[in-house]
């Protein structure tokens, strides 16, 4: 619908802008939560596994 159309209304003209901003904020929040999850859950697990694997390989294979 064009600006000259008789059914045109300015009331919803900027809705798209707000919707895009809402999605962008939501995506930023999702990214922040994902980073927090990586720091709190994944990194400690990797560190724990790394030290366990290192201990395993430090032992003699044939005792």
PDB file of N, CA and C in Angstrom:
ATOM      1  N   UNK A   1       0.846  -1.166   0.000  1.00  0.00           N
ATOM      2  CA  UNK A   1       0.000   0.000   0.000  1.00  0.00           C
ATOM      3  C   UNK A   1       0.898   1.239   0.000  1.00  0.00           C
ATOM      4  N   UNK A   2       0.616   2.139  -0.856  1.00  0.00           N
ATOM      5  CA  UNK A   2       1.427   3.334  -0.988  1.00  0.00           C
ATOM      6  C   UNK A   2       0.987   4.454  -0.069  1.00  0.00           C
ATOM      7  N   UNK A   3       1.839   5.467   0.044  1.00  0.00           N
ATOM      8  CA  UNK A   3       1.538   6.617   0.903  1.00  0.00           C
ATOM      9  C   UNK A   3       0.284   7.367   0.445  1.00  0.00           C
ATOM     10  N   UNK A   4       0.003   7.348  -0.850  1.00  0.00           N
ATOM     11  CA  UNK A   4      -1.154   8.081  -1.377  1.00  0.00           C
ATOM     12  C   UNK A   4      -2.460   7.333  -1.258  1.00  0.00           C
ATOM     13  N   UNK A   5      -2.431   6.094  -0.885  1.00  0.00           N
ATOM     14  CA  UNK A   5      -3.642   5.278  -0.772  1.00  0.00           C
ATOM     15  C   UNK A   5      -4.555   5.850   0.305  1.00  0.00           C
ATOM     16  N   UNK A   6      -5.855   5.847   0.044  1.00  0.00           N
ATOM     17  CA  UNK A   6      -6.801   6.420   1.010  1.00  0.00           C
ATOM     18  C   UNK A   6      -6.891   5.604   2.301  1.00  0.00           C
ATOM     19  N   UNK A   7      -6.471   4.346   2.265  1.00  0.00           N
ATOM     20  CA  UNK A   7      -6.493   3.510   3.461  1.00  0.00           C
ATOM     21  C   UNK A   7      -5.179   3.581   4.253  1.00  0.00           C
ATOM     22  N   UNK A   8      -4.274   4.421   3.762  1.00  0.00           N
ATOM     23  CA  UNK A   8      -2.979   4.554   4.446  1.00  0.00           C
ATOM     24  C   UNK A   8      -3.167   5.203   5.806  1.00  0.00           C
ATOM     25  N   UNK A   9      -2.486   4.675   6.799  1.00  0.00           N
ATOM     26  CA  UNK A   9      -2.563   5.249   8.137  1.00  0.00           C
ATOM     27  C   UNK A   9      -1.158   5.359   8.698  1.00  0.00           C
ATOM     28  N   UNK A  10      -0.834   6.507   9.244  1.00  0.00           N
ATOM     29  CA  UNK A  10       0.486   6.704   9.855  1.00  0.00           C
ATOM     30  C   UNK A  10       0.621   5.949  11.176  1.00  0.00           C
ATOM     31  N   UNK A  11      -0.481   5.497  11.729  1.00  0.00           N
ATOM     32  CA  UNK A  11      -0.438   4.902  13.062  1.00  0.00           C
ATOM     33  C   UNK A  11       0.445   3.654  13.112  1.00  0.00           C
ATOM     34  N   UNK A  12       0.529   2.925  12.016  1.00  0.00           N
ATOM     35  CA  UNK A  12       1.332   1.694  12.013  1.00  0.00           C
ATOM     36  C   UNK A  12       2.602   1.842  11.179  1.00  0.00           C
ATOM     37  N   UNK A  13       2.895   3.059  10.796  1.00  0.00           N
ATOM     38  CA  UNK A  13       4.027   3.291   9.893  1.00  0.00           C
ATOM     39  C   UNK A  13       5.364   2.837  10.488  1.00  0.00           C
ATOM     40  N   UNK A  14       5.554   3.005  11.778  1.00  0.00           N
ATOM     41  CA  UNK A  14       6.838   2.681  12.400  1.00  0.00           C
ATOM     42  C   UNK A  14       6.824   1.352  13.149  1.00  0.00           C
ATOM     43  N   UNK A  15       5.751   0.590  13.043  1.00  0.00           N
ATOM     44  CA  UNK A  15       5.671  -0.707  13.723  1.00  0.00           C
ATOM     45  C   UNK A  15       6.816  -1.630  13.320  1.00  0.00           C
ATOM     46  N   UNK A  16       7.148  -1.627  12.053  1.00  0.00           N
ATOM     47  CA  UNK A  16       8.221  -2.507  11.571  1.00  0.00           C
ATOM     48  C   UNK A  16       9.528  -2.203  12.287  1.00  0.00           C
ATOM     49  N   UNK A  17       9.834  -0.931  12.463  1.00  0.00           N
ATOM     50  CA  UNK A  17      11.041  -0.512  13.171  1.00  0.00           C
ATOM     51  C   UNK A  17      11.073  -1.086  14.581  1.00  0.00           C
ATOM     52  N   UNK A  18       9.961  -0.993  15.284  1.00  0.00           N
ATOM     53  CA  UNK A  18       9.901  -1.491  16.657  1.00  0.00           C
ATOM     54  C   UNK A  18      10.001  -3.011  16.703  1.00  0.00           C
ATOM     55  N   UNK A  19       9.370  -3.666  15.746  1.00  0.00           N
ATOM     56  CA  UNK A  19       9.435  -5.128  15.703  1.00  0.00           C
ATOM     57  C   UNK A  19      10.857  -5.596  15.436  1.00  0.00           C
ATOM     58  N   UNK A  20      11.539  -4.948  14.529  1.00  0.00           N
ATOM     59  CA  UNK A  20      12.926  -5.305  14.245  1.00  0.00           C
ATOM     60  C   UNK A  20      13.793  -5.083  15.481  1.00  0.00           C
ATOM     61  N   UNK A  21      13.582  -3.972  16.169  1.00  0.00           N
ATOM     62  CA  UNK A  21      14.361  -3.701  17.379  1.00  0.00           C
ATOM     63  C   UNK A  21      14.066  -4.741  18.454  1.00  0.00           C
ATOM     64  N   UNK A  22      12.809  -5.134  18.600  1.00  0.00           N
ATOM     65  CA  UNK A  22      12.460  -6.168  19.584  1.00  0.00           C
ATOM     66  C   UNK A  22      13.157  -7.477  19.273  1.00  0.00           C
ATOM     67  N   UNK A  23      13.189  -7.857  18.001  1.00  0.00           N
ATOM     68  CA  UNK A  23      13.878  -9.087  17.623  1.00  0.00           C
ATOM     69  C   UNK A  23      15.379  -8.966  17.854  1.00  0.00           C
ATOM     70  N   UNK A  24      15.932  -7.814  17.528  1.00  0.00           N
ATOM     71  CA  UNK A  24      17.377  -7.613  17.714  1.00  0.00           C
ATOM     72  C   UNK A  24      17.735  -7.698  19.194  1.00  0.00           C
ATOM     73  N   UNK A  25      16.933  -7.103  20.053  1.00  0.00           N
ATOM     74  CA  UNK A  25      17.174  -7.166  21.485  1.00  0.00           C
ATOM     75  C   UNK A  25      17.039  -8.608  21.959  1.00  0.00           C
ATOM     76  N   UNK A  26      16.030  -9.313  21.487  1.00  0.00           N
ATOM     77  CA  UNK A  26      15.835 -10.705  21.864  1.00  0.00           C
ATOM     78  C   UNK A  26      17.011 -11.561  21.419  1.00  0.00           C
ATOM     79  N   UNK A  27      17.519 -11.314  20.230  1.00  0.00           N
ATOM     80  CA  UNK A  27      18.669 -12.070  19.744  1.00  0.00           C
ATOM     81  C   UNK A  27      19.912 -11.758  20.572  1.00  0.00           C
ATOM     82  N   UNK A  28      20.070 -10.512  20.978  1.00  0.00           N
ATOM     83  CA  UNK A  28      21.208 -10.138  21.827  1.00  0.00           C
ATOM     84  C   UNK A  28      21.105 -10.834  23.177  1.00  0.00           C
ATOM     85  N   UNK A  29      19.893 -10.872  23.739  1.00  0.00           N
ATOM     86  CA  UNK A  29      19.693 -11.573  25.011  1.00  0.00           C
ATOM     87  C   UNK A  29      19.995 -13.059  24.863  1.00  0.00           C
ATOM     88  N   UNK A  30      19.557 -13.651  23.762  1.00  0.00           N
ATOM     89  CA  UNK A  30      19.834 -15.058  23.505  1.00  0.00           C
ATOM     90  C   UNK A  30      21.335 -15.298  23.408  1.00  0.00           C
ATOM     91  N   UNK A  31      22.031 -14.419  22.715  1.00  0.00           N
ATOM     92  CA  UNK A  31      23.482 -14.536  22.589  1.00  0.00           C
ATOM     93  C   UNK A  31      24.153 -14.399  23.958  1.00  0.00           C
ATOM     94  N   UNK A  32      23.688 -13.480  24.775  1.00  0.00           N
ATOM     95  CA  UNK A  32      24.251 -13.298  26.119  1.00  0.00           C
ATOM     96  C   UNK A  32      24.048 -14.548  26.971  1.00  0.00           C
ATOM     97  N   UNK A  33      22.841 -15.125  26.903  1.00  0.00           N
ATOM     98  CA  UNK A  33      22.567 -16.339  27.668  1.00  0.00           C
ATOM     99  C   UNK A  33      23.417 -17.508  27.172  1.00  0.00           C
ATOM    100  N   UNK A  34      23.614 -17.586  25.870  1.00  0.00           N
ATOM    101  CA  UNK A  34      24.447 -18.643  25.302  1.00  0.00           C
ATOM    102  C   UNK A  34      25.897 -18.510  25.778  1.00  0.00           C
ATOM    103  N   UNK A  35      26.422 -17.294  25.773  1.00  0.00           N
ATOM    104  CA  UNK A  35      27.789 -17.058  26.250  1.00  0.00           C
ATOM    105  C   UNK A  35      27.920 -17.433  27.724  1.00  0.00           C
ATOM    106  N   UNK A  36      26.899 -17.080  28.517  1.00  0.00           N
ATOM    107  CA  UNK A  36      26.911 -17.408  29.935  1.00  0.00           C
ATOM    108  C   UNK A  36      26.908 -18.930  30.126  1.00  0.00           C
ATOM    109  N   UNK A  37      26.097 -19.629  29.340  1.00  0.00           N
ATOM    110  CA  UNK A  37      26.030 -21.091  29.414  1.00  0.00           C
ATOM    111  C   UNK A  37      27.389 -21.699  29.068  1.00  0.00           C
ATOM    112  N   UNK A  38      28.034 -21.183  28.034  1.00  0.00           N
ATOM    113  CA  UNK A  38      29.357 -21.684  27.630  1.00  0.00           C
ATOM    114  C   UNK A  38      30.349 -21.501  28.784  1.00  0.00           C
ATOM    115  N   UNK A  39      30.366 -20.308  29.382  1.00  0.00           N
ATOM    116  CA  UNK A  39      31.303 -20.031  30.479  1.00  0.00           C
ATOM    117  C   UNK A  39      31.040 -20.896  31.705  1.00  0.00           C
ATOM    118  N   UNK A  40      29.762 -21.108  32.036  1.00  0.00           N
ATOM    119  CA  UNK A  40      29.427 -21.806  33.274  1.00  0.00           C
ATOM    120  C   UNK A  40      29.385 -23.325  33.133  1.00  0.00           C
ATOM    121  N   UNK A  41      29.022 -23.829  31.971  1.00  0.00           N
ATOM    122  CA  UNK A  41      28.826 -25.264  31.813  1.00  0.00           C
ATOM    123  C   UNK A  41      29.873 -25.935  30.922  1.00  0.00           C
ATOM    124  N   UNK A  42      30.122 -25.370  29.779  1.00  0.00           N
ATOM    125  CA  UNK A  42      30.966 -26.037  28.791  1.00  0.00           C
ATOM    126  C   UNK A  42      32.446 -25.929  29.147  1.00  0.00           C
ATOM    127  N   UNK A  43      32.922 -24.726  29.452  1.00  0.00           N
ATOM    128  CA  UNK A  43      34.346 -24.569  29.770  1.00  0.00           C
ATOM    129  C   UNK A  43      34.779 -25.428  30.962  1.00  0.00           C
ATOM    130  N   UNK A  44      34.015 -25.411  32.072  1.00  0.00           N
ATOM    131  CA  UNK A  44      34.429 -26.272  33.189  1.00  0.00           C
ATOM    132  C   UNK A  44      34.447 -27.756  32.811  1.00  0.00           C
ATOM    133  N   UNK A  45      33.509 -28.184  31.987  1.00  0.00           N
ATOM    134  CA  UNK A  45      33.472 -29.577  31.545  1.00  0.00           C
ATOM    135  C   UNK A  45      34.692 -29.901  30.703  1.00  0.00           C
ATOM    136  N   UNK A  46      35.055 -29.006  29.813  1.00  0.00           N
ATOM    137  CA  UNK A  46      36.236 -29.213  28.965  1.00  0.00           C
ATOM    138  C   UNK A  46      37.490 -29.259  29.836  1.00  0.00           C
ATOM    139  N   UNK A  47      37.582 -28.336  30.794  1.00  0.00           N
ATOM    140  CA  UNK A  47      38.742 -28.330  31.695  1.00  0.00           C
ATOM    141  C   UNK A  47      38.827 -29.624  32.491  1.00  0.00           C
ATOM    142  N   UNK A  48      37.701 -30.086  32.988  1.00  0.00           N
ATOM    143  CA  UNK A  48      37.659 -31.319  33.765  1.00  0.00           C
ATOM    144  C   UNK A  48      38.070 -32.512  32.903  1.00  0.00           C
ATOM    145  N   UNK A  49      37.547 -32.581  31.705  1.00  0.00           N
ATOM    146  CA  UNK A  49      37.901 -33.682  30.804  1.00  0.00           C
ATOM    147  C   UNK A  49      39.373 -33.619  30.418  1.00  0.00           C
ATOM    148  N   UNK A  50      39.871 -32.435  30.195  1.00  0.00           N
ATOM    149  CA  UNK A  50      41.277 -32.273  29.815  1.00  0.00           C
ATOM    150  C   UNK A  50      42.197 -32.781  30.915  1.00  0.00           C
ATOM    151  N   UNK A  51      41.895 -32.440  32.157  1.00  0.00           N
ATOM    152  CA  UNK A  51      42.755 -32.889  33.245  1.00  0.00           C
ATOM    153  C   UNK A  51      42.620 -34.401  33.447  1.00  0.00           C
ATOM    154  N   UNK A  52      41.420 -34.949  33.246  1.00  0.00           N
ATOM    155  CA  UNK A  52      41.236 -36.399  33.364  1.00  0.00           C
ATOM    156  C   UNK A  52      42.004 -37.139  32.290  1.00  0.00           C
ATOM    157  N   UNK A  53      41.949 -36.640  31.074  1.00  0.00           N
ATOM    158  CA  UNK A  53      42.667 -37.270  29.963  1.00  0.00           C
ATOM    159  C   UNK A  53      44.172 -37.156  30.192  1.00  0.00           C
ATOM    160  N   UNK A  54      44.615 -36.010  30.675  1.00  0.00           N
ATOM    161  CA  UNK A  54      46.045 -35.822  30.938  1.00  0.00           C
ATOM    162  C   UNK A  54      46.517 -36.813  32.002  1.00  0.00           C
ATOM    163  N   UNK A  55      45.722 -37.028  33.058  1.00  0.00           N
ATOM    164  CA  UNK A  55      46.091 -37.997  34.094  1.00  0.00           C
ATOM    165  C   UNK A  55      46.150 -39.406  33.516  1.00  0.00           C
ATOM    166  N   UNK A  56      45.227 -39.712  32.624  1.00  0.00           N
ATOM    167  CA  UNK A  56      45.208 -41.037  32.013  1.00  0.00           C
ATOM    168  C   UNK A  56      46.483 -41.292  31.215  1.00  0.00           C
ATOM    169  N   UNK A  57      46.899 -40.325  30.448  1.00  0.00           N
ATOM    170  CA  UNK A  57      48.083 -40.506  29.606  1.00  0.00           C
ATOM    171  C   UNK A  57      49.387 -40.374  30.369  1.00  0.00           C
ATOM    172  N   UNK A  58      49.363 -39.820  31.578  1.00  0.00           N
ATOM    173  CA  UNK A  58      50.569 -39.724  32.398  1.00  0.00           C
ATOM    174  C   UNK A  58      50.939 -41.060  33.034  1.00  0.00           C
ATOM    175  N   UNK A  59      49.992 -42.002  33.064  1.00  0.00           N
ATOM    176  CA  UNK A  59      50.255 -43.311  33.661  1.00  0.00           C
ATOM    177  C   UNK A  59      50.952 -44.216  32.639  1.00  0.00           C
ATOM    178  N   UNK A  60      51.804 -45.086  33.094  1.00  0.00           N
ATOM    179  CA  UNK A  60      52.425 -46.060  32.186  1.00  0.00           C
ATOM    180  C   UNK A  60      51.368 -46.980  31.586  1.00  0.00           C
ATOM    181  N   UNK A  61      51.499 -47.292  30.315  1.00  0.00           N
ATOM    182  CA  UNK A  61      50.510 -48.108  29.628  1.00  0.00           C
ATOM    183  C   UNK A  61      50.530 -49.554  30.136  1.00  0.00           C
ATOM    184  N   UNK A  62      51.709 -50.155  30.303  1.00  0.00           N
ATOM    185  CA  UNK A  62      51.801 -51.552  30.704  1.00  0.00           C
ATOM    186  C   UNK A  62      52.254 -51.706  32.159  1.00  0.00           C
ATOM    187  N   UNK A  63      52.006 -50.735  32.971  1.00  0.00           N
ATOM    188  CA  UNK A  63      52.305 -50.764  34.398  1.00  0.00           C
ATOM    189  C   UNK A  63      53.578 -51.339  34.710  1.00  0.00           C
TER     190      UNK A  63
END
